[in-house]
Amino acid sequence: MIENVLWVAVALMLASSLTSRKNNLRKLLGAAGWVFFAIHWFYQPVHYIEISDYFNVVLVITVALICLIIAHTMFKEYRDPDALKNISSDVTSMATSATALGSLFYFPFAQMESLNIWIISLVTDNVFWTLHLLNLPAEMTAWNKIGLNGYQVEIILACTAIESIALFIGLIASVNAPFKKHAKAFLVSVPVIYGLNIIRDVFVIVAYSYQWFGPNSFDIAHHTIAKIGSGIALFAIAYVVMRILPELAELIEGVWFLVIGFIQNLLKKVVGNN
């Protein structure tokens, strides 16, 4: 059922992106799309709580709330196109297009078994090759499992960095810029993210297999160190991409001010009512 919610969200966002800018119905379609997208993200903590990944629990709840804020803003823009003109400009439509494009790239890998197996197999093979390059006696115990020093790690879709890759593809493709700039932004982000992710997977496998951090080596390596490292890397990559595509910086800044403005107005209403 949740998969259907996801596809409805993407379809509505795509419809909003393809609707003429002169037709304000695109704002209503976009708002509906963001609501369905929020429902999808609010469902995700269930999975992360099961695997004790509380960092991602907080992250997906935050994403879901941002989705609702954008949905609320787009609905207000639909009701009164000039009401938020000086605040959000067309940031909401740009964010909708970026999300629709990124989702169209990501969800086939998540929903289509053939693509899912292909990307996981590719990453597993690359990680296995890298381990041998480092003269580590790793073994392929299954098509997506690697064994080392008596321990075994399974590579799943989340280990492929496809979410981050899709995010950058959506953001880069959503801004109007010369092809040369698009190509340069792509080259400094997508291949770099993929390569760094292989290093991240290798680190987690080695740290867990040789128990670098004691009995909780996997949790510390995967849920803490790798998460922090990935965050720093993505921040640095985003900075470089925004230097190449200043339009992207304007989009991100616009969404930031939109969210902060919503929170400030909400707090004023709460304080005023008290």
C-alpha atoms as a PDB file:
ATOM      1  CA  MET A   1       0.000   0.000   0.000  1.00  0.00           C
ATOM      2  CA  ILE A   2       2.801   2.432   0.914  1.00  0.00           C
ATOM      3  CA  GLU A   3       4.355   1.861  -2.532  1.00  0.00           C
ATOM      4  CA  ASN A   4       1.116   3.074  -4.135  1.00  0.00           C
ATOM      5  CA  VAL A   5       1.208   6.202  -1.965  1.00  0.00           C
ATOM      6  CA  LEU A   6       4.716   6.847  -3.231  1.00  0.00           C
ATOM      7  CA  TRP A   7       3.791   6.522  -6.891  1.00  0.00           C
ATOM      8  CA  VAL A   8       0.757   8.775  -6.388  1.00  0.00           C
ATOM      9  CA  ALA A   9       3.066  11.406  -4.850  1.00  0.00           C
ATOM     10  CA  VAL A  10       5.503  11.198  -7.751  1.00  0.00           C
ATOM     11  CA  ALA A  11       2.689  11.292 -10.346  1.00  0.00           C
ATOM     12  CA  LEU A  12       1.165  14.405  -8.773  1.00  0.00           C
ATOM     13  CA  MET A  13       4.533  16.162  -8.530  1.00  0.00           C
ATOM     14  CA  LEU A  14       5.347  15.288 -12.121  1.00  0.00           C
ATOM     15  CA  ALA A  15       1.926  16.548 -13.243  1.00  0.00           C
ATOM     16  CA  SER A  16       2.580  19.778 -11.348  1.00  0.00           C
ATOM     17  CA  SER A  17       5.991  20.160 -13.005  1.00  0.00           C
ATOM     18  CA  LEU A  18       4.556  19.627 -16.489  1.00  0.00           C
ATOM     19  CA  THR A  19       1.599  21.979 -16.015  1.00  0.00           C
ATOM     20  CA  SER A  20       1.999  25.438 -17.527  1.00  0.00           C
ATOM     21  CA  ARG A  21       3.281  28.128 -15.168  1.00  0.00           C
ATOM     22  CA  LYS A  22       0.289  30.235 -16.169  1.00  0.00           C
ATOM     23  CA  ASN A  23      -2.067  27.586 -14.773  1.00  0.00           C
ATOM     24  CA  ASN A  24      -2.136  27.854 -10.981  1.00  0.00           C
ATOM     25  CA  LEU A  25      -3.591  24.335 -10.777  1.00  0.00           C
ATOM     26  CA  ARG A  26       0.035  23.180 -10.720  1.00  0.00           C
ATOM     27  CA  LYS A  27       0.248  24.521  -7.158  1.00  0.00           C
ATOM     28  CA  LEU A  28      -2.703  22.389  -6.037  1.00  0.00           C
ATOM     29  CA  LEU A  29      -1.270  19.304  -7.754  1.00  0.00           C
ATOM     30  CA  GLY A  30       2.101  19.963  -6.159  1.00  0.00           C
ATOM     31  CA  ALA A  31       0.571  20.449  -2.702  1.00  0.00           C
ATOM     32  CA  ALA A  32      -1.274  17.121  -2.992  1.00  0.00           C
ATOM     33  CA  GLY A  33       1.926  15.433  -4.139  1.00  0.00           C
ATOM     34  CA  TRP A  34       3.858  16.711  -1.127  1.00  0.00           C
ATOM     35  CA  VAL A  35       1.123  15.479   1.238  1.00  0.00           C
ATOM     36  CA  PHE A  36       1.361  11.952  -0.182  1.00  0.00           C
ATOM     37  CA  PHE A  37       5.157  12.203  -0.049  1.00  0.00           C
ATOM     38  CA  ALA A  38       4.926  13.157   3.641  1.00  0.00           C
ATOM     39  CA  ILE A  39       2.760  10.094   4.302  1.00  0.00           C
ATOM     40  CA  HIS A  40       5.477   7.926   2.754  1.00  0.00           C
ATOM     41  CA  TRP A  41       8.183   9.433   4.963  1.00  0.00           C
ATOM     42  CA  PHE A  42       6.091   9.247   8.126  1.00  0.00           C
ATOM     43  CA  TYR A  43       5.830   5.496   7.521  1.00  0.00           C
ATOM     44  CA  GLN A  44       9.625   4.997   7.304  1.00  0.00           C
ATOM     45  CA  PRO A  45      10.522   5.267  11.045  1.00  0.00           C
ATOM     46  CA  VAL A  46       8.899   1.855  11.564  1.00  0.00           C
ATOM     47  CA  HIS A  47      11.678   0.205   9.567  1.00  0.00           C
ATOM     48  CA  TYR A  48      14.506   2.217  11.118  1.00  0.00           C
ATOM     49  CA  ILE A  49      13.285   1.616  14.675  1.00  0.00           C
ATOM     50  CA  GLU A  50      13.356  -2.131  13.964  1.00  0.00           C
ATOM     51  CA  ILE A  51      17.060  -1.949  13.061  1.00  0.00           C
ATOM     52  CA  SER A  52      17.847   0.595  15.830  1.00  0.00           C
ATOM     53  CA  ASP A  53      18.919   3.283  13.346  1.00  0.00           C
ATOM     54  CA  TYR A  54      17.648   6.266  15.324  1.00  0.00           C
ATOM     55  CA  PHE A  55      19.614   8.802  13.291  1.00  0.00           C
ATOM     56  CA  ASN A  56      17.474   7.962  10.267  1.00  0.00           C
ATOM     57  CA  VAL A  57      14.326   7.947  12.426  1.00  0.00           C
ATOM     58  CA  VAL A  58      14.919  11.622  13.226  1.00  0.00           C
ATOM     59  CA  LEU A  59      15.957  12.332   9.631  1.00  0.00           C
ATOM     60  CA  VAL A  60      12.858  10.878   7.933  1.00  0.00           C
ATOM     61  CA  ILE A  61      10.486  12.526  10.418  1.00  0.00           C
ATOM     62  CA  THR A  62      12.196  15.863   9.685  1.00  0.00           C
ATOM     63  CA  VAL A  63      11.851  15.253   5.940  1.00  0.00           C
ATOM     64  CA  ALA A  64       8.163  14.406   6.380  1.00  0.00           C
ATOM     65  CA  LEU A  65       7.529  17.645   8.288  1.00  0.00           C
ATOM     66  CA  ILE A  66       9.327  19.672   5.598  1.00  0.00           C
ATOM     67  CA  CYS A  67       7.104  17.980   2.993  1.00  0.00           C
ATOM     68  CA  LEU A  68       4.012  19.138   4.894  1.00  0.00           C
ATOM     69  CA  ILE A  69       5.382  22.683   5.156  1.00  0.00           C
ATOM     70  CA  ILE A  70       5.953  22.823   1.391  1.00  0.00           C
ATOM     71  CA  ALA A  71       2.485  21.335   0.802  1.00  0.00           C
ATOM     72  CA  HIS A  72       0.938  23.987   3.055  1.00  0.00           C
ATOM     73  CA  THR A  73       2.831  26.766   1.246  1.00  0.00           C
ATOM     74  CA  MET A  74       1.818  25.514  -2.203  1.00  0.00           C
ATOM     75  CA  PHE A  75      -1.822  25.295  -1.147  1.00  0.00           C
ATOM     76  CA  LYS A  76      -1.702  28.916   0.061  1.00  0.00           C
ATOM     77  CA  GLU A  77      -0.104  29.910  -3.240  1.00  0.00           C
ATOM     78  CA  TYR A  78      -2.947  28.118  -5.030  1.00  0.00           C
ATOM     79  CA  ARG A  79      -5.578  29.943  -2.973  1.00  0.00           C
ATOM     80  CA  ASP A  80      -3.877  33.323  -3.390  1.00  0.00           C
ATOM     81  CA  PRO A  81      -1.061  33.364  -6.000  1.00  0.00           C
ATOM     82  CA  ASP A  82       0.204  36.760  -4.818  1.00  0.00           C
ATOM     83  CA  ALA A  83       0.054  36.106  -1.071  1.00  0.00           C
ATOM     84  CA  LEU A  84       3.577  34.689  -0.712  1.00  0.00           C
ATOM     85  CA  LYS A  85       5.115  36.144  -3.830  1.00  0.00           C
ATOM     86  CA  ASN A  86       7.824  38.076  -2.024  1.00  0.00           C
ATOM     87  CA  ILE A  87       8.660  35.189   0.292  1.00  0.00           C
ATOM     88  CA  SER A  88       8.863  31.994  -1.699  1.00  0.00           C
ATOM     89  CA  SER A  89       8.913  33.193  -5.313  1.00  0.00           C
ATOM     90  CA  ASP A  90       8.671  29.970  -7.315  1.00  0.00           C
ATOM     91  CA  VAL A  91      10.829  27.926  -4.958  1.00  0.00           C
ATOM     92  CA  THR A  92       8.027  25.471  -4.255  1.00  0.00           C
ATOM     93  CA  SER A  93       7.617  24.627  -7.939  1.00  0.00           C
ATOM     94  CA  MET A  94      11.373  24.221  -8.372  1.00  0.00           C
ATOM     95  CA  ALA A  95      11.548  21.947  -5.318  1.00  0.00           C
ATOM     96  CA  THR A  96       8.628  19.933  -6.694  1.00  0.00           C
ATOM     97  CA  SER A  97      10.371  19.453 -10.034  1.00  0.00           C
ATOM     98  CA  ALA A  98      13.629  18.430  -8.350  1.00  0.00           C
ATOM     99  CA  THR A  99      11.821  15.886  -6.172  1.00  0.00           C
ATOM    100  CA  ALA A 100       9.829  14.489  -9.095  1.00  0.00           C
ATOM    101  CA  LEU A 101      12.970  14.045 -11.223  1.00  0.00           C
ATOM    102  CA  GLY A 102      14.961  12.500  -8.386  1.00  0.00           C
ATOM    103  CA  SER A 103      12.113  10.154  -7.523  1.00  0.00           C
ATOM    104  CA  LEU A 104      11.706   9.045 -11.135  1.00  0.00           C
ATOM    105  CA  PHE A 105      15.368   8.026 -11.071  1.00  0.00           C
ATOM    106  CA  TYR A 106      15.321   6.348  -7.645  1.00  0.00           C
ATOM    107  CA  PHE A 107      12.036   4.489  -7.368  1.00  0.00           C
ATOM    108  CA  PRO A 108      12.552   2.114 -10.326  1.00  0.00           C
ATOM    109  CA  PHE A 109      15.599   0.782  -8.440  1.00  0.00           C
ATOM    110  CA  ALA A 110      13.503   0.431  -5.291  1.00  0.00           C
ATOM    111  CA  GLN A 111      10.431  -1.116  -6.929  1.00  0.00           C
ATOM    112  CA  MET A 112      11.699  -3.086  -9.963  1.00  0.00           C
ATOM    113  CA  GLU A 113      13.388  -6.335  -8.944  1.00  0.00           C
ATOM    114  CA  SER A 114      15.686  -6.475 -11.971  1.00  0.00           C
ATOM    115  CA  LEU A 115      17.140  -2.999 -11.345  1.00  0.00           C
ATOM    116  CA  ASN A 116      17.257  -3.614  -7.596  1.00  0.00           C
ATOM    117  CA  ILE A 117      19.321  -6.777  -8.042  1.00  0.00           C
ATOM    118  CA  TRP A 118      21.537  -5.143 -10.663  1.00  0.00           C
ATOM    119  CA  ILE A 119      22.570  -2.142  -8.552  1.00  0.00           C
ATOM    120  CA  ILE A 120      23.101  -4.249  -5.414  1.00  0.00           C
ATOM    121  CA  SER A 121      25.157  -6.810  -7.376  1.00  0.00           C
ATOM    122  CA  LEU A 122      27.258  -4.045  -8.922  1.00  0.00           C
ATOM    123  CA  VAL A 123      28.055  -2.486  -5.551  1.00  0.00           C
ATOM    124  CA  THR A 124      28.728  -5.902  -3.973  1.00  0.00           C
ATOM    125  CA  ASP A 125      31.188  -6.773  -6.754  1.00  0.00           C
ATOM    126  CA  ASN A 126      32.934  -3.405  -6.443  1.00  0.00           C
ATOM    127  CA  VAL A 127      33.229  -3.723  -2.658  1.00  0.00           C
ATOM    128  CA  PHE A 128      34.527  -7.293  -2.986  1.00  0.00           C
ATOM    129  CA  TRP A 129      37.104  -6.181  -5.575  1.00  0.00           C
ATOM    130  CA  THR A 130      38.241  -3.300  -3.344  1.00  0.00           C
ATOM    131  CA  LEU A 131      38.683  -5.627  -0.353  1.00  0.00           C
ATOM    132  CA  HIS A 132      40.913  -7.890  -2.432  1.00  0.00           C
ATOM    133  CA  LEU A 133      42.796  -4.828  -3.696  1.00  0.00           C
ATOM    134  CA  LEU A 134      43.600  -4.191  -0.023  1.00  0.00           C
ATOM    135  CA  ASN A 135      44.789  -7.843   0.313  1.00  0.00           C
ATOM    136  CA  LEU A 136      41.918  -8.751   2.621  1.00  0.00           C
ATOM    137  CA  PRO A 137      40.713 -12.398   2.346  1.00  0.00           C
ATOM    138  CA  ALA A 138      37.054 -11.599   1.698  1.00  0.00           C
ATOM    139  CA  GLU A 139      34.680 -14.188   0.256  1.00  0.00           C
ATOM    140  CA  MET A 140      31.422 -13.874  -1.692  1.00  0.00           C
ATOM    141  CA  THR A 141      29.052 -16.035   0.353  1.00  0.00           C
ATOM    142  CA  ALA A 142      26.020 -15.053  -1.755  1.00  0.00           C
ATOM    143  CA  TRP A 143      25.235 -12.690  -4.626  1.00  0.00           C
ATOM    144  CA  ASN A 144      24.870  -9.808  -2.148  1.00  0.00           C
ATOM    145  CA  LYS A 145      26.800 -11.065   0.891  1.00  0.00           C
ATOM    146  CA  ILE A 146      30.472 -10.722   1.723  1.00  0.00           C
ATOM    147  CA  GLY A 147      32.254 -12.752   4.386  1.00  0.00           C
ATOM    148  CA  LEU A 148      35.460 -11.738   6.136  1.00  0.00           C
ATOM    149  CA  ASN A 149      37.204 -13.150   9.225  1.00  0.00           C
ATOM    150  CA  GLY A 150      34.203 -15.307  10.102  1.00  0.00           C
ATOM    151  CA  TYR A 151      31.703 -12.455   9.873  1.00  0.00           C
ATOM    152  CA  GLN A 152      29.217 -11.744   7.090  1.00  0.00           C
ATOM    153  CA  VAL A 153      27.664  -8.523   5.827  1.00  0.00           C
ATOM    154  CA  GLU A 154      24.686  -8.251   3.484  1.00  0.00           C
ATOM    155  CA  ILE A 155      24.622  -5.448   0.914  1.00  0.00           C
ATOM    156  CA  ILE A 156      21.125  -3.975   0.536  1.00  0.00           C
ATOM    157  CA  LEU A 157      19.731  -1.091  -1.520  1.00  0.00           C
ATOM    158  CA  ALA A 158      20.563   1.433   1.203  1.00  0.00           C
ATOM    159  CA  CYS A 159      24.234   0.428   0.832  1.00  0.00           C
ATOM    160  CA  THR A 160      24.351   1.556  -2.804  1.00  0.00           C
ATOM    161  CA  ALA A 161      24.018   5.329  -2.216  1.00  0.00           C
ATOM    162  CA  ILE A 162      21.275   5.360  -4.860  1.00  0.00           C
ATOM    163  CA  GLU A 163      19.200   7.735  -2.695  1.00  0.00           C
ATOM    164  CA  SER A 164      21.952  10.365  -2.569  1.00  0.00           C
ATOM    165  CA  ILE A 165      22.713   9.906  -6.262  1.00  0.00           C
ATOM    166  CA  ALA A 166      19.028  10.358  -7.144  1.00  0.00           C
ATOM    167  CA  LEU A 167      18.844  13.467  -4.936  1.00  0.00           C
ATOM    168  CA  PHE A 168      21.715  15.166  -6.748  1.00  0.00           C
ATOM    169  CA  ILE A 169      20.422  14.118 -10.167  1.00  0.00           C
ATOM    170  CA  GLY A 170      17.031  15.618  -9.358  1.00  0.00           C
ATOM    171  CA  LEU A 171      18.517  18.855  -8.029  1.00  0.00           C
ATOM    172  CA  ILE A 172      20.959  19.289 -10.915  1.00  0.00           C
ATOM    173  CA  ALA A 173      18.330  18.527 -13.568  1.00  0.00           C
ATOM    174  CA  SER A 174      15.750  20.874 -12.022  1.00  0.00           C
ATOM    175  CA  VAL A 175      17.672  24.140 -12.539  1.00  0.00           C
ATOM    176  CA  ASN A 176      17.970  26.078 -15.772  1.00  0.00           C
ATOM    177  CA  ALA A 177      21.629  26.232 -16.775  1.00  0.00           C
ATOM    178  CA  PRO A 178      23.878  25.529 -19.798  1.00  0.00           C
ATOM    179  CA  PHE A 179      24.506  21.841 -20.567  1.00  0.00           C
ATOM    180  CA  LYS A 180      28.221  22.264 -19.825  1.00  0.00           C
ATOM    181  CA  LYS A 181      27.424  23.314 -16.255  1.00  0.00           C
ATOM    182  CA  HIS A 182      24.980  20.422 -15.822  1.00  0.00           C
ATOM    183  CA  ALA A 183      27.608  17.954 -17.045  1.00  0.00           C
ATOM    184  CA  LYS A 184      30.302  19.394 -14.761  1.00  0.00           C
ATOM    185  CA  ALA A 185      27.987  19.314 -11.725  1.00  0.00           C
ATOM    186  CA  PHE A 186      27.076  15.709 -12.524  1.00  0.00           C
ATOM    187  CA  LEU A 187      30.726  14.623 -12.791  1.00  0.00           C
ATOM    188  CA  VAL A 188      31.752  16.177  -9.463  1.00  0.00           C
ATOM    189  CA  SER A 189      28.793  14.635  -7.623  1.00  0.00           C
ATOM    190  CA  VAL A 190      27.392  11.315  -8.890  1.00  0.00           C
ATOM    191  CA  PRO A 191      30.652   9.403  -9.629  1.00  0.00           C
ATOM    192  CA  VAL A 192      32.238  10.826  -6.470  1.00  0.00           C
ATOM    193  CA  ILE A 193      29.276   9.771  -4.311  1.00  0.00           C
ATOM    194  CA  TYR A 194      29.399   6.266  -5.781  1.00  0.00           C
ATOM    195  CA  GLY A 195      33.142   5.938  -5.172  1.00  0.00           C
ATOM    196  CA  LEU A 196      32.965   7.263  -1.608  1.00  0.00           C
ATOM    197  CA  ASN A 197      30.102   4.885  -0.893  1.00  0.00           C
ATOM    198  CA  ILE A 198      32.265   1.910  -1.911  1.00  0.00           C
ATOM    199  CA  ILE A 199      34.893   3.123   0.559  1.00  0.00           C
ATOM    200  CA  ARG A 200      32.188   3.495   3.222  1.00  0.00           C
ATOM    201  CA  ASP A 201      30.952  -0.079   2.679  1.00  0.00           C
ATOM    202  CA  VAL A 202      34.514  -1.419   2.794  1.00  0.00           C
ATOM    203  CA  PHE A 203      35.142   0.434   6.067  1.00  0.00           C
ATOM    204  CA  VAL A 204      31.984  -0.972   7.678  1.00  0.00           C
ATOM    205  CA  ILE A 205      32.779  -4.539   6.595  1.00  0.00           C
ATOM    206  CA  VAL A 206      36.393  -4.384   7.811  1.00  0.00           C
ATOM    207  CA  ALA A 207      35.504  -2.664  11.110  1.00  0.00           C
ATOM    208  CA  TYR A 208      32.786  -5.226  11.804  1.00  0.00           C
ATOM    209  CA  SER A 209      34.758  -8.271  10.671  1.00  0.00           C
ATOM    210  CA  TYR A 210      37.808  -7.419  12.776  1.00  0.00           C
ATOM    211  CA  GLN A 211      35.713  -6.019  15.646  1.00  0.00           C
ATOM    212  CA  TRP A 212      37.567  -2.719  15.714  1.00  0.00           C
ATOM    213  CA  PHE A 213      35.088  -1.228  18.179  1.00  0.00           C
ATOM    214  CA  GLY A 214      34.241  -4.310  20.230  1.00  0.00           C
ATOM    215  CA  PRO A 215      30.905  -6.187  20.232  1.00  0.00           C
ATOM    216  CA  ASN A 216      29.042  -3.155  18.869  1.00  0.00           C
ATOM    217  CA  SER A 217      31.443  -2.665  15.974  1.00  0.00           C
ATOM    218  CA  PHE A 218      28.772  -2.824  13.275  1.00  0.00           C
ATOM    219  CA  ASP A 219      26.487  -0.279  14.942  1.00  0.00           C
ATOM    220  CA  ILE A 220      29.335   2.111  15.702  1.00  0.00           C
ATOM    221  CA  ALA A 221      30.887   1.798  12.241  1.00  0.00           C
ATOM    222  CA  HIS A 222      27.621   1.873  10.266  1.00  0.00           C
ATOM    223  CA  HIS A 223      25.198   3.961  12.298  1.00  0.00           C
ATOM    224  CA  THR A 224      27.665   6.480  13.732  1.00  0.00           C
ATOM    225  CA  ILE A 225      31.025   6.871  11.972  1.00  0.00           C
ATOM    226  CA  ALA A 226      29.794   6.103   8.445  1.00  0.00           C
ATOM    227  CA  LYS A 227      26.731   8.323   8.902  1.00  0.00           C
ATOM    228  CA  ILE A 228      28.832  11.264  10.070  1.00  0.00           C
ATOM    229  CA  GLY A 229      31.369  10.712   7.306  1.00  0.00           C
ATOM    230  CA  SER A 230      28.639  10.507   4.667  1.00  0.00           C
ATOM    231  CA  GLY A 231      27.053  13.694   5.953  1.00  0.00           C
ATOM    232  CA  ILE A 232      30.328  15.614   5.774  1.00  0.00           C
ATOM    233  CA  ALA A 233      31.065  14.250   2.287  1.00  0.00           C
ATOM    234  CA  LEU A 234      27.615  15.130   0.942  1.00  0.00           C
ATOM    235  CA  PHE A 235      27.870  18.623   2.412  1.00  0.00           C
ATOM    236  CA  ALA A 236      31.238  19.139   0.691  1.00  0.00           C
ATOM    237  CA  ILE A 237      29.941  17.773  -2.621  1.00  0.00           C
ATOM    238  CA  ALA A 238      26.857  19.970  -2.392  1.00  0.00           C
ATOM    239  CA  TYR A 239      29.082  23.009  -1.822  1.00  0.00           C
ATOM    240  CA  VAL A 240      31.111  22.262  -4.970  1.00  0.00           C
ATOM    241  CA  VAL A 241      27.942  21.628  -7.013  1.00  0.00           C
ATOM    242  CA  MET A 242      26.444  24.922  -5.847  1.00  0.00           C
ATOM    243  CA  ARG A 243      29.608  26.756  -6.883  1.00  0.00           C
ATOM    244  CA  ILE A 244      29.079  25.344 -10.366  1.00  0.00           C
ATOM    245  CA  LEU A 245      25.300  25.907 -10.333  1.00  0.00           C
ATOM    246  CA  PRO A 246      24.515  29.045  -8.278  1.00  0.00           C
ATOM    247  CA  GLU A 247      20.856  28.556  -9.231  1.00  0.00           C
ATOM    248  CA  LEU A 248      20.849  25.456  -7.050  1.00  0.00           C
ATOM    249  CA  ALA A 249      22.066  27.477  -4.076  1.00  0.00           C
ATOM    250  CA  GLU A 250      19.130  29.842  -4.585  1.00  0.00           C
ATOM    251  CA  LEU A 251      16.725  26.880  -4.575  1.00  0.00           C
ATOM    252  CA  ILE A 252      18.134  25.415  -1.361  1.00  0.00           C
ATOM    253  CA  GLU A 253      18.256  28.830   0.298  1.00  0.00           C
ATOM    254  CA  GLY A 254      14.661  29.447  -0.761  1.00  0.00           C
ATOM    255  CA  VAL A 255      13.448  26.182   0.777  1.00  0.00           C
ATOM    256  CA  TRP A 256      15.418  26.941   3.959  1.00  0.00           C
ATOM    257  CA  PHE A 257      13.861  30.380   4.382  1.00  0.00           C
ATOM    258  CA  LEU A 258      10.430  28.944   3.554  1.00  0.00           C
ATOM    259  CA  VAL A 259      10.723  26.342   6.338  1.00  0.00           C
ATOM    260  CA  ILE A 260      12.219  28.787   8.859  1.00  0.00           C
ATOM    261  CA  GLY A 261       9.536  31.366   8.032  1.00  0.00           C
ATOM    262  CA  PHE A 262       6.790  28.786   8.559  1.00  0.00           C
ATOM    263  CA  ILE A 263       8.227  27.760  11.939  1.00  0.00           C
ATOM    264  CA  GLN A 264       8.573  31.386  13.066  1.00  0.00           C
ATOM    265  CA  ASN A 265       4.978  32.188  12.101  1.00  0.00           C
ATOM    266  CA  LEU A 266       3.776  29.051  13.877  1.00  0.00           C
ATOM    267  CA  LEU A 267       5.646  29.972  17.051  1.00  0.00           C
ATOM    268  CA  LYS A 268       4.204  33.507  16.945  1.00  0.00           C
ATOM    269  CA  LYS A 269       0.677  32.082  16.705  1.00  0.00           C
ATOM    270  CA  VAL A 270       1.322  29.676  19.584  1.00  0.00           C
ATOM    271  CA  VAL A 271       2.801  32.420  21.789  1.00  0.00           C
ATOM    272  CA  GLY A 272       0.011  34.791  20.785  1.00  0.00           C
ATOM    273  CA  ASN A 273      -2.687  32.289  21.740  1.00  0.00           C
ATOM    274  CA  ASN A 274      -1.080  31.816  25.146  1.00  0.00           C
END
